[in-house]
Amino acid sequence: MSGLMRRAVLKAFGTLFPTRAAAWFERVLLTPRRAPVLKLARPAVPNSTRRLPYGAGWVSATEWGVDGPRVLLVHGWGGSGDSMAAFVEPLVEAGYRAVTFDLPAHGASDGQRTNLIECAGAVLQVEHAFGRFAGVVMHSFGGPVGALAWRHGLRADALAMLAPPMSVRDVSLPVGDWLGLPRRVSERTVDDFARRLGVNWEDLRTDGMAAEIEAPLLVVHDERDRVVPWSHGAAVARAAPHGQLRTTEGLGHRDLLLDPSVLGEVVAFITRGEGEERRIA
């Protein structure tokens, strides 16, 4: 089916059967689709994988390196811990250990569907298993996940967000537009879901949660990001009490995770000692 035909069919479906269309769209939003695979070699670093109990299933986590403070790496929607693998060797070379893990319903972790709140809880479970982290690096959806986990007790000396969305709601609605659903159906879907969970989307805005983060926060965002607009990351950086923004050009949404200059700057920011100035040129 062509994209044009699909959009016409879904527009008619949403118009004639809005309740059924909303239920279908909720399943779409909560079911991770695998992002394009990043071409990364497996880090040549000693590692061990653990299965951590969470909810009714298990979360898969891997620790890289044998000594030093730990840094948590949080991947984005549709990714996996392997998406963050390029940070592992630089962190280990700097004298740290890296912890990657698969969010619920991602990678080797259990589940078929998940959401922001469940994923933030998984971050807290990983922290409980490994102990306090010296730093946290988050990509895309991992940004609001980490920010919500911070609100509920996650702590670290420094944090970095790469291409974070300002609002999960705001990046969910365009998915419905792209599919062809009437906007009122998409809005009904995300708002009904929030009501069932007993939450308010305004309270879960990443910029609002970033305002509560006392630690230094570096935001890296590409000005031509087509997945999450640059303005989202800029708003998050402005809101954080100790936020800094690093703008890149030509890396898009995912190549931030591979670019040597970004990797070096993020690792340097995360691993600088307490009291040292964390500045990005």
C-alpha atoms as a PDB file:
ATOM      1  CA  MET A   1       0.000   0.000   0.000  1.00  0.00           C
ATOM      2  CA  SER A   2       1.409   3.388  -0.960  1.00  0.00           C
ATOM      3  CA  GLY A   3       1.838   6.110   1.638  1.00  0.00           C
ATOM      4  CA  LEU A   4      -0.883   8.199   0.046  1.00  0.00           C
ATOM      5  CA  MET A   5      -3.358   5.324   0.090  1.00  0.00           C
ATOM      6  CA  ARG A   6      -2.440   4.391   3.655  1.00  0.00           C
ATOM      7  CA  ARG A   7      -3.075   7.925   4.849  1.00  0.00           C
ATOM      8  CA  ALA A   8      -6.432   8.020   3.062  1.00  0.00           C
ATOM      9  CA  VAL A   9      -7.480   4.716   4.638  1.00  0.00           C
ATOM     10  CA  LEU A  10      -6.423   5.773   8.137  1.00  0.00           C
ATOM     11  CA  LYS A  11      -8.093   9.146   7.781  1.00  0.00           C
ATOM     12  CA  ALA A  12     -11.359   7.404   6.924  1.00  0.00           C
ATOM     13  CA  PHE A  13     -10.834   4.870   9.746  1.00  0.00           C
ATOM     14  CA  GLY A  14     -10.250   7.672  12.269  1.00  0.00           C
ATOM     15  CA  THR A  15     -13.226   9.660  11.027  1.00  0.00           C
ATOM     16  CA  LEU A  16     -15.707   6.776  11.035  1.00  0.00           C
ATOM     17  CA  PHE A  17     -14.424   4.813  14.038  1.00  0.00           C
ATOM     18  CA  PRO A  18     -12.539   7.257  16.302  1.00  0.00           C
ATOM     19  CA  THR A  19     -12.607   5.014  19.390  1.00  0.00           C
ATOM     20  CA  ARG A  20     -11.181   2.025  17.562  1.00  0.00           C
ATOM     21  CA  ALA A  21      -8.664   4.226  15.776  1.00  0.00           C
ATOM     22  CA  ALA A  22      -7.498   5.699  19.077  1.00  0.00           C
ATOM     23  CA  ALA A  23      -7.014   2.223  20.575  1.00  0.00           C
ATOM     24  CA  TRP A  24      -5.034   1.163  17.510  1.00  0.00           C
ATOM     25  CA  PHE A  25      -2.880   4.295  17.589  1.00  0.00           C
ATOM     26  CA  GLU A  26      -2.102   3.782  21.282  1.00  0.00           C
ATOM     27  CA  ARG A  27      -0.721   0.337  20.485  1.00  0.00           C
ATOM     28  CA  VAL A  28       1.384   1.869  17.718  1.00  0.00           C
ATOM     29  CA  LEU A  29       2.817   4.525  20.034  1.00  0.00           C
ATOM     30  CA  LEU A  30       3.619   2.123  22.855  1.00  0.00           C
ATOM     31  CA  THR A  31       5.234  -0.563  20.680  1.00  0.00           C
ATOM     32  CA  PRO A  32       8.877   0.290  19.950  1.00  0.00           C
ATOM     33  CA  ARG A  33       9.935  -0.031  16.332  1.00  0.00           C
ATOM     34  CA  ARG A  34      13.609  -0.734  15.935  1.00  0.00           C
ATOM     35  CA  ALA A  35      15.580   2.327  14.856  1.00  0.00           C
ATOM     36  CA  PRO A  36      18.092   2.018  12.000  1.00  0.00           C
ATOM     37  CA  VAL A  37      21.059  -0.040  13.198  1.00  0.00           C
ATOM     38  CA  LEU A  38      24.162   1.997  13.932  1.00  0.00           C
ATOM     39  CA  LYS A  39      27.284   0.405  12.478  1.00  0.00           C
ATOM     40  CA  LEU A  40      29.243  -0.063  15.679  1.00  0.00           C
ATOM     41  CA  ALA A  41      31.915  -2.599  16.492  1.00  0.00           C
ATOM     42  CA  ARG A  42      31.458  -4.261  19.852  1.00  0.00           C
ATOM     43  CA  PRO A  43      33.728  -2.472  22.348  1.00  0.00           C
ATOM     44  CA  ALA A  44      36.935  -4.360  23.102  1.00  0.00           C
ATOM     45  CA  VAL A  45      36.385  -3.955  26.828  1.00  0.00           C
ATOM     46  CA  PRO A  46      35.819  -6.547  29.576  1.00  0.00           C
ATOM     47  CA  ASN A  47      32.121  -6.750  30.284  1.00  0.00           C
ATOM     48  CA  SER A  48      29.461  -8.671  32.132  1.00  0.00           C
ATOM     49  CA  THR A  49      25.711  -8.809  31.495  1.00  0.00           C
ATOM     50  CA  ARG A  50      23.063  -9.066  34.191  1.00  0.00           C
ATOM     51  CA  ARG A  51      19.318  -9.681  34.105  1.00  0.00           C
ATOM     52  CA  LEU A  52      17.565  -7.379  36.565  1.00  0.00           C
ATOM     53  CA  PRO A  53      14.022  -8.080  37.785  1.00  0.00           C
ATOM     54  CA  TYR A  54      11.613  -5.315  36.889  1.00  0.00           C
ATOM     55  CA  GLY A  55       7.824  -5.433  36.949  1.00  0.00           C
ATOM     56  CA  ALA A  56       6.654  -8.779  35.621  1.00  0.00           C
ATOM     57  CA  GLY A  57       9.845  -9.378  33.653  1.00  0.00           C
ATOM     58  CA  TRP A  58      13.532  -8.631  33.361  1.00  0.00           C
ATOM     59  CA  VAL A  59      15.759  -5.832  32.111  1.00  0.00           C
ATOM     60  CA  SER A  60      19.101  -6.657  30.489  1.00  0.00           C
ATOM     61  CA  ALA A  61      22.092  -4.548  31.592  1.00  0.00           C
ATOM     62  CA  THR A  62      25.802  -4.740  30.763  1.00  0.00           C
ATOM     63  CA  GLU A  63      28.729  -3.279  32.698  1.00  0.00           C
ATOM     64  CA  TRP A  64      31.867  -2.406  30.734  1.00  0.00           C
ATOM     65  CA  GLY A  65      35.266  -2.068  32.398  1.00  0.00           C
ATOM     66  CA  VAL A  66      36.507  -3.258  35.765  1.00  0.00           C
ATOM     67  CA  ASP A  67      37.432  -0.144  37.765  1.00  0.00           C
ATOM     68  CA  GLY A  68      36.341   3.398  38.383  1.00  0.00           C
ATOM     69  CA  PRO A  69      33.056   5.273  38.869  1.00  0.00           C
ATOM     70  CA  ARG A  70      30.139   4.189  36.728  1.00  0.00           C
ATOM     71  CA  VAL A  71      28.415   6.167  33.986  1.00  0.00           C
ATOM     72  CA  LEU A  72      24.930   5.160  32.830  1.00  0.00           C
ATOM     73  CA  LEU A  73      24.092   5.271  29.116  1.00  0.00           C
ATOM     74  CA  VAL A  74      20.361   5.530  28.269  1.00  0.00           C
ATOM     75  CA  HIS A  75      19.307   4.842  24.681  1.00  0.00           C
ATOM     76  CA  GLY A  76      16.346   6.266  22.766  1.00  0.00           C
ATOM     77  CA  TRP A  77      13.033   4.871  21.565  1.00  0.00           C
ATOM     78  CA  GLY A  78      13.480   1.885  19.278  1.00  0.00           C
ATOM     79  CA  GLY A  79      17.163   1.556  20.134  1.00  0.00           C
ATOM     80  CA  SER A  80      19.028  -0.622  22.608  1.00  0.00           C
ATOM     81  CA  GLY A  81      22.021  -0.461  24.890  1.00  0.00           C
ATOM     82  CA  ASP A  82      24.173  -1.210  21.853  1.00  0.00           C
ATOM     83  CA  SER A  83      23.105   2.158  20.388  1.00  0.00           C
ATOM     84  CA  MET A  84      25.304   3.825  23.021  1.00  0.00           C
ATOM     85  CA  ALA A  85      28.319   1.574  22.484  1.00  0.00           C
ATOM     86  CA  ALA A  86      30.554   4.302  21.020  1.00  0.00           C
ATOM     87  CA  PHE A  87      30.760   5.921  24.465  1.00  0.00           C
ATOM     88  CA  VAL A  88      32.090   2.786  26.153  1.00  0.00           C
ATOM     89  CA  GLU A  89      35.762   2.799  25.169  1.00  0.00           C
ATOM     90  CA  PRO A  90      36.276   6.564  25.712  1.00  0.00           C
ATOM     91  CA  LEU A  91      34.740   6.264  29.172  1.00  0.00           C
ATOM     92  CA  VAL A  92      36.861   3.252  30.099  1.00  0.00           C
ATOM     93  CA  GLU A  93      39.993   4.976  28.792  1.00  0.00           C
ATOM     94  CA  ALA A  94      39.121   7.928  31.048  1.00  0.00           C
ATOM     95  CA  GLY A  95      39.084   5.605  34.067  1.00  0.00           C
ATOM     96  CA  TYR A  96      35.355   4.952  34.302  1.00  0.00           C
ATOM     97  CA  ARG A  97      33.012   2.023  33.906  1.00  0.00           C
ATOM     98  CA  ALA A  98      30.071   2.266  31.512  1.00  0.00           C
ATOM     99  CA  VAL A  99      26.668   0.685  32.083  1.00  0.00           C
ATOM    100  CA  THR A 100      24.387   0.106  29.109  1.00  0.00           C
ATOM    101  CA  PHE A 101      20.942  -1.448  29.345  1.00  0.00           C
ATOM    102  CA  ASP A 102      17.888  -2.151  27.225  1.00  0.00           C
ATOM    103  CA  LEU A 103      14.752  -0.260  28.181  1.00  0.00           C
ATOM    104  CA  PRO A 104      11.623  -2.389  28.706  1.00  0.00           C
ATOM    105  CA  ALA A 105      10.302  -3.813  25.404  1.00  0.00           C
ATOM    106  CA  HIS A 106      13.664  -3.040  23.778  1.00  0.00           C
ATOM    107  CA  GLY A 107      16.619  -5.215  22.885  1.00  0.00           C
ATOM    108  CA  ALA A 108      17.013  -8.222  25.187  1.00  0.00           C
ATOM    109  CA  SER A 109      14.679  -6.844  27.873  1.00  0.00           C
ATOM    110  CA  ASP A 110      11.213  -8.300  28.346  1.00  0.00           C
ATOM    111  CA  GLY A 111       7.968  -6.775  27.129  1.00  0.00           C
ATOM    112  CA  GLN A 112       6.253  -5.765  23.923  1.00  0.00           C
ATOM    113  CA  ARG A 113       4.976  -2.309  24.855  1.00  0.00           C
ATOM    114  CA  THR A 114       6.253   0.355  27.203  1.00  0.00           C
ATOM    115  CA  ASN A 115       5.965   4.031  28.108  1.00  0.00           C
ATOM    116  CA  LEU A 116       7.838   6.942  29.651  1.00  0.00           C
ATOM    117  CA  ILE A 117       6.891   6.151  33.247  1.00  0.00           C
ATOM    118  CA  GLU A 118       7.795   2.475  33.003  1.00  0.00           C
ATOM    119  CA  CYS A 119      11.132   3.319  31.386  1.00  0.00           C
ATOM    120  CA  ALA A 120      11.999   5.860  34.097  1.00  0.00           C
ATOM    121  CA  GLY A 121      11.287   3.173  36.671  1.00  0.00           C
ATOM    122  CA  ALA A 122      13.699   0.857  34.846  1.00  0.00           C
ATOM    123  CA  VAL A 123      16.438   3.504  35.136  1.00  0.00           C
ATOM    124  CA  LEU A 124      15.855   3.626  38.904  1.00  0.00           C
ATOM    125  CA  GLN A 125      16.031  -0.163  39.045  1.00  0.00           C
ATOM    126  CA  VAL A 126      19.373  -0.122  37.229  1.00  0.00           C
ATOM    127  CA  GLU A 127      20.663   2.497  39.666  1.00  0.00           C
ATOM    128  CA  HIS A 128      19.495   0.340  42.568  1.00  0.00           C
ATOM    129  CA  ALA A 129      21.427  -2.628  41.158  1.00  0.00           C
ATOM    130  CA  PHE A 130      24.687  -0.822  40.333  1.00  0.00           C
ATOM    131  CA  GLY A 131      24.768   2.024  42.848  1.00  0.00           C
ATOM    132  CA  ARG A 132      24.987   5.766  42.360  1.00  0.00           C
ATOM    133  CA  PHE A 133      26.283   6.848  38.948  1.00  0.00           C
ATOM    134  CA  ALA A 134      28.925   9.508  38.453  1.00  0.00           C
ATOM    135  CA  GLY A 135      27.282  10.544  35.198  1.00  0.00           C
ATOM    136  CA  VAL A 136      24.334   9.809  32.929  1.00  0.00           C
ATOM    137  CA  VAL A 137      24.314  10.160  29.129  1.00  0.00           C
ATOM    138  CA  MET A 138      20.902  10.025  27.408  1.00  0.00           C
ATOM    139  CA  HIS A 139      19.850  10.006  23.771  1.00  0.00           C
ATOM    140  CA  SER A 140      16.498  11.240  22.399  1.00  0.00           C
ATOM    141  CA  PHE A 141      13.621   9.596  24.350  1.00  0.00           C
ATOM    142  CA  GLY A 142      16.246   8.697  26.947  1.00  0.00           C
ATOM    143  CA  GLY A 143      16.302  12.412  27.880  1.00  0.00           C
ATOM    144  CA  PRO A 144      12.784  12.629  29.332  1.00  0.00           C
ATOM    145  CA  VAL A 145      13.246   9.125  30.752  1.00  0.00           C
ATOM    146  CA  GLY A 146      16.331  10.243  32.670  1.00  0.00           C
ATOM    147  CA  ALA A 147      14.743  13.542  33.692  1.00  0.00           C
ATOM    148  CA  LEU A 148      11.720  11.743  35.146  1.00  0.00           C
ATOM    149  CA  ALA A 149      14.009   9.287  36.932  1.00  0.00           C
ATOM    150  CA  TRP A 150      15.886  12.285  38.397  1.00  0.00           C
ATOM    151  CA  ARG A 151      12.603  13.674  39.712  1.00  0.00           C
ATOM    152  CA  HIS A 152      12.099  10.369  41.532  1.00  0.00           C
ATOM    153  CA  GLY A 153      15.551   9.971  43.037  1.00  0.00           C
ATOM    154  CA  LEU A 154      18.199   9.337  40.375  1.00  0.00           C
ATOM    155  CA  ARG A 155      21.361  11.321  41.168  1.00  0.00           C
ATOM    156  CA  ALA A 156      24.668  11.909  39.372  1.00  0.00           C
ATOM    157  CA  ASP A 157      27.460  14.487  39.279  1.00  0.00           C
ATOM    158  CA  ALA A 158      26.850  15.467  35.647  1.00  0.00           C
ATOM    159  CA  LEU A 159      24.388  14.647  32.889  1.00  0.00           C
ATOM    160  CA  ALA A 160      24.281  14.909  29.104  1.00  0.00           C
ATOM    161  CA  MET A 161      21.252  14.749  26.817  1.00  0.00           C
ATOM    162  CA  LEU A 162      21.646  14.265  23.093  1.00  0.00           C
ATOM    163  CA  ALA A 163      18.694  15.422  20.961  1.00  0.00           C
ATOM    164  CA  PRO A 164      16.083  15.323  23.741  1.00  0.00           C
ATOM    165  CA  PRO A 165      12.411  15.970  22.921  1.00  0.00           C
ATOM    166  CA  MET A 166      10.883  18.785  24.935  1.00  0.00           C
ATOM    167  CA  SER A 167       7.644  16.840  25.289  1.00  0.00           C
ATOM    168  CA  VAL A 168       6.799  13.205  24.572  1.00  0.00           C
ATOM    169  CA  ARG A 169       3.276  14.347  23.722  1.00  0.00           C
ATOM    170  CA  ASP A 170       4.579  16.873  21.200  1.00  0.00           C
ATOM    171  CA  VAL A 171       6.634  14.293  19.312  1.00  0.00           C
ATOM    172  CA  SER A 172       3.853  11.685  19.436  1.00  0.00           C
ATOM    173  CA  LEU A 173       1.177  13.735  17.688  1.00  0.00           C
ATOM    174  CA  PRO A 174       3.155  14.165  14.424  1.00  0.00           C
ATOM    175  CA  VAL A 175       3.315  10.362  14.178  1.00  0.00           C
ATOM    176  CA  GLY A 176      -0.460  10.363  13.828  1.00  0.00           C
ATOM    177  CA  ASP A 177      -0.243  13.150  11.265  1.00  0.00           C
ATOM    178  CA  TRP A 178       2.274  11.150   9.240  1.00  0.00           C
ATOM    179  CA  LEU A 179       0.046   8.073   9.370  1.00  0.00           C
ATOM    180  CA  GLY A 180      -2.946  10.097   8.218  1.00  0.00           C
ATOM    181  CA  LEU A 181      -5.100   9.994  11.354  1.00  0.00           C
ATOM    182  CA  PRO A 182      -7.251  13.033  12.108  1.00  0.00           C
ATOM    183  CA  ARG A 183      -5.437  15.174  14.671  1.00  0.00           C
ATOM    184  CA  ARG A 184      -8.368  14.948  17.088  1.00  0.00           C
ATOM    185  CA  VAL A 185      -7.925  11.153  17.199  1.00  0.00           C
ATOM    186  CA  SER A 186      -4.220  11.470  17.952  1.00  0.00           C
ATOM    187  CA  GLU A 187      -4.872  14.012  20.691  1.00  0.00           C
ATOM    188  CA  ARG A 188      -7.591  11.835  22.185  1.00  0.00           C
ATOM    189  CA  THR A 189      -5.189   8.874  22.207  1.00  0.00           C
ATOM    190  CA  VAL A 190      -2.345  10.526  24.093  1.00  0.00           C
ATOM    191  CA  ASP A 191      -4.570  12.473  26.475  1.00  0.00           C
ATOM    192  CA  ASP A 192      -6.759   9.490  27.384  1.00  0.00           C
ATOM    193  CA  PHE A 193      -3.612   7.453  28.023  1.00  0.00           C
ATOM    194  CA  ALA A 194      -2.276  10.102  30.407  1.00  0.00           C
ATOM    195  CA  ARG A 195      -5.593  10.272  32.257  1.00  0.00           C
ATOM    196  CA  ARG A 196      -5.630   6.498  32.754  1.00  0.00           C
ATOM    197  CA  LEU A 197      -2.154   6.684  34.261  1.00  0.00           C
ATOM    198  CA  GLY A 198      -3.170   9.615  36.446  1.00  0.00           C
ATOM    199  CA  VAL A 199      -0.549  11.979  35.023  1.00  0.00           C
ATOM    200  CA  ASN A 200      -0.544  15.336  33.278  1.00  0.00           C
ATOM    201  CA  TRP A 201       1.550  15.811  30.141  1.00  0.00           C
ATOM    202  CA  GLU A 202       2.490  19.335  31.240  1.00  0.00           C
ATOM    203  CA  ASP A 203       4.069  17.866  34.374  1.00  0.00           C
ATOM    204  CA  LEU A 204       6.122  15.501  32.205  1.00  0.00           C
ATOM    205  CA  ARG A 205       7.637  18.104  29.877  1.00  0.00           C
ATOM    206  CA  THR A 206      11.383  17.571  29.651  1.00  0.00           C
ATOM    207  CA  ASP A 207      12.155  21.276  30.041  1.00  0.00           C
ATOM    208  CA  GLY A 208      10.032  21.413  33.177  1.00  0.00           C
ATOM    209  CA  MET A 209      11.762  18.380  34.662  1.00  0.00           C
ATOM    210  CA  ALA A 210      15.182  19.723  33.623  1.00  0.00           C
ATOM    211  CA  ALA A 211      14.479  22.792  35.746  1.00  0.00           C
ATOM    212  CA  GLU A 212      14.709  20.476  38.771  1.00  0.00           C
ATOM    213  CA  ILE A 213      18.146  19.088  37.863  1.00  0.00           C
ATOM    214  CA  GLU A 214      20.766  20.701  40.107  1.00  0.00           C
ATOM    215  CA  ALA A 215      23.718  18.957  38.460  1.00  0.00           C
ATOM    216  CA  PRO A 216      25.524  20.336  35.374  1.00  0.00           C
ATOM    217  CA  LEU A 217      23.617  19.374  32.223  1.00  0.00           C
ATOM    218  CA  LEU A 218      25.011  19.429  28.699  1.00  0.00           C
ATOM    219  CA  VAL A 219      22.526  19.303  25.817  1.00  0.00           C
ATOM    220  CA  VAL A 220      23.846  18.430  22.347  1.00  0.00           C
ATOM    221  CA  HIS A 221      21.449  18.907  19.431  1.00  0.00           C
ATOM    222  CA  ASP A 222      21.871  19.150  15.686  1.00  0.00           C
ATOM    223  CA  GLU A 223      20.318  22.208  14.081  1.00  0.00           C
ATOM    224  CA  ARG A 224      18.918  20.086  11.225  1.00  0.00           C
ATOM    225  CA  ASP A 225      17.570  17.216  13.294  1.00  0.00           C
ATOM    226  CA  ARG A 226      14.484  15.975  11.421  1.00  0.00           C
ATOM    227  CA  VAL A 227      13.276  13.668  14.188  1.00  0.00           C
ATOM    228  CA  VAL A 228      13.366  16.036  17.166  1.00  0.00           C
ATOM    229  CA  PRO A 229      13.700  19.739  16.257  1.00  0.00           C
ATOM    230  CA  TRP A 230      16.710  21.673  17.589  1.00  0.00           C
ATOM    231  CA  SER A 231      14.343  24.028  19.418  1.00  0.00           C
ATOM    232  CA  HIS A 232      13.438  21.190  21.799  1.00  0.00           C
ATOM    233  CA  GLY A 233      17.006  20.706  22.990  1.00  0.00           C
ATOM    234  CA  ALA A 234      17.531  24.465  23.237  1.00  0.00           C
ATOM    235  CA  ALA A 235      14.480  24.773  25.500  1.00  0.00           C
ATOM    236  CA  VAL A 236      15.715  21.963  27.747  1.00  0.00           C
ATOM    237  CA  ALA A 237      19.162  23.552  28.072  1.00  0.00           C
ATOM    238  CA  ARG A 238      17.654  26.956  28.895  1.00  0.00           C
ATOM    239  CA  ALA A 239      15.405  25.494  31.566  1.00  0.00           C
ATOM    240  CA  ALA A 240      18.137  23.662  33.480  1.00  0.00           C
ATOM    241  CA  PRO A 241      19.780  25.708  36.266  1.00  0.00           C
ATOM    242  CA  HIS A 242      23.231  24.631  35.061  1.00  0.00           C
ATOM    243  CA  GLY A 243      22.392  23.801  31.453  1.00  0.00           C
ATOM    244  CA  GLN A 244      24.643  24.271  28.452  1.00  0.00           C
ATOM    245  CA  LEU A 245      23.801  23.836  24.796  1.00  0.00           C
ATOM    246  CA  ARG A 246      26.127  22.508  22.123  1.00  0.00           C
ATOM    247  CA  THR A 247      24.742  22.869  18.587  1.00  0.00           C
ATOM    248  CA  THR A 248      26.067  20.666  15.792  1.00  0.00           C
ATOM    249  CA  GLU A 249      25.468  20.804  12.055  1.00  0.00           C
ATOM    250  CA  GLY A 250      24.990  17.931   9.628  1.00  0.00           C
ATOM    251  CA  LEU A 251      24.810  15.084  12.150  1.00  0.00           C
ATOM    252  CA  GLY A 252      21.053  14.709  12.280  1.00  0.00           C
ATOM    253  CA  HIS A 253      19.411  12.736  15.057  1.00  0.00           C
ATOM    254  CA  ARG A 254      21.475   9.559  15.322  1.00  0.00           C
ATOM    255  CA  ASP A 255      24.955  10.378  14.039  1.00  0.00           C
ATOM    256  CA  LEU A 256      25.461  12.374  17.234  1.00  0.00           C
ATOM    257  CA  LEU A 257      26.136   8.960  18.761  1.00  0.00           C
ATOM    258  CA  LEU A 258      29.046   8.328  16.389  1.00  0.00           C
ATOM    259  CA  ASP A 259      30.728  11.681  15.869  1.00  0.00           C
ATOM    260  CA  PRO A 260      34.216  11.721  17.462  1.00  0.00           C
ATOM    261  CA  SER A 261      34.015  15.376  18.502  1.00  0.00           C
ATOM    262  CA  VAL A 262      30.645  14.890  20.190  1.00  0.00           C
ATOM    263  CA  LEU A 263      31.829  11.723  21.914  1.00  0.00           C
ATOM    264  CA  GLY A 264      34.946  13.479  23.164  1.00  0.00           C
ATOM    265  CA  GLU A 265      33.105  16.549  24.423  1.00  0.00           C
ATOM    266  CA  VAL A 266      30.402  14.560  26.185  1.00  0.00           C
ATOM    267  CA  VAL A 267      32.883  12.222  27.863  1.00  0.00           C
ATOM    268  CA  ALA A 268      35.054  15.178  28.934  1.00  0.00           C
ATOM    269  CA  PHE A 269      32.013  16.957  30.351  1.00  0.00           C
ATOM    270  CA  ILE A 270      30.846  13.901  32.270  1.00  0.00           C
ATOM    271  CA  THR A 271      34.240  12.883  33.644  1.00  0.00           C
ATOM    272  CA  ARG A 272      35.653  16.237  34.787  1.00  0.00           C
ATOM    273  CA  GLY A 273      36.230  16.322  38.523  1.00  0.00           C
ATOM    274  CA  GLU A 274      33.858  17.978  40.940  1.00  0.00           C
ATOM    275  CA  GLY A 275      34.458  21.710  41.087  1.00  0.00           C
ATOM    276  CA  GLU A 276      36.109  21.860  37.678  1.00  0.00           C
ATOM    277  CA  GLU A 277      34.464  24.129  35.147  1.00  0.00           C
ATOM    278  CA  ARG A 278      32.491  22.203  32.537  1.00  0.00           C
ATOM    279  CA  ARG A 279      32.556  24.319  29.420  1.00  0.00           C
ATOM    280  CA  ILE A 280      32.077  23.443  25.778  1.00  0.00           C
ATOM    281  CA  ALA A 281      33.895  25.636  23.278  1.00  0.00           C
END
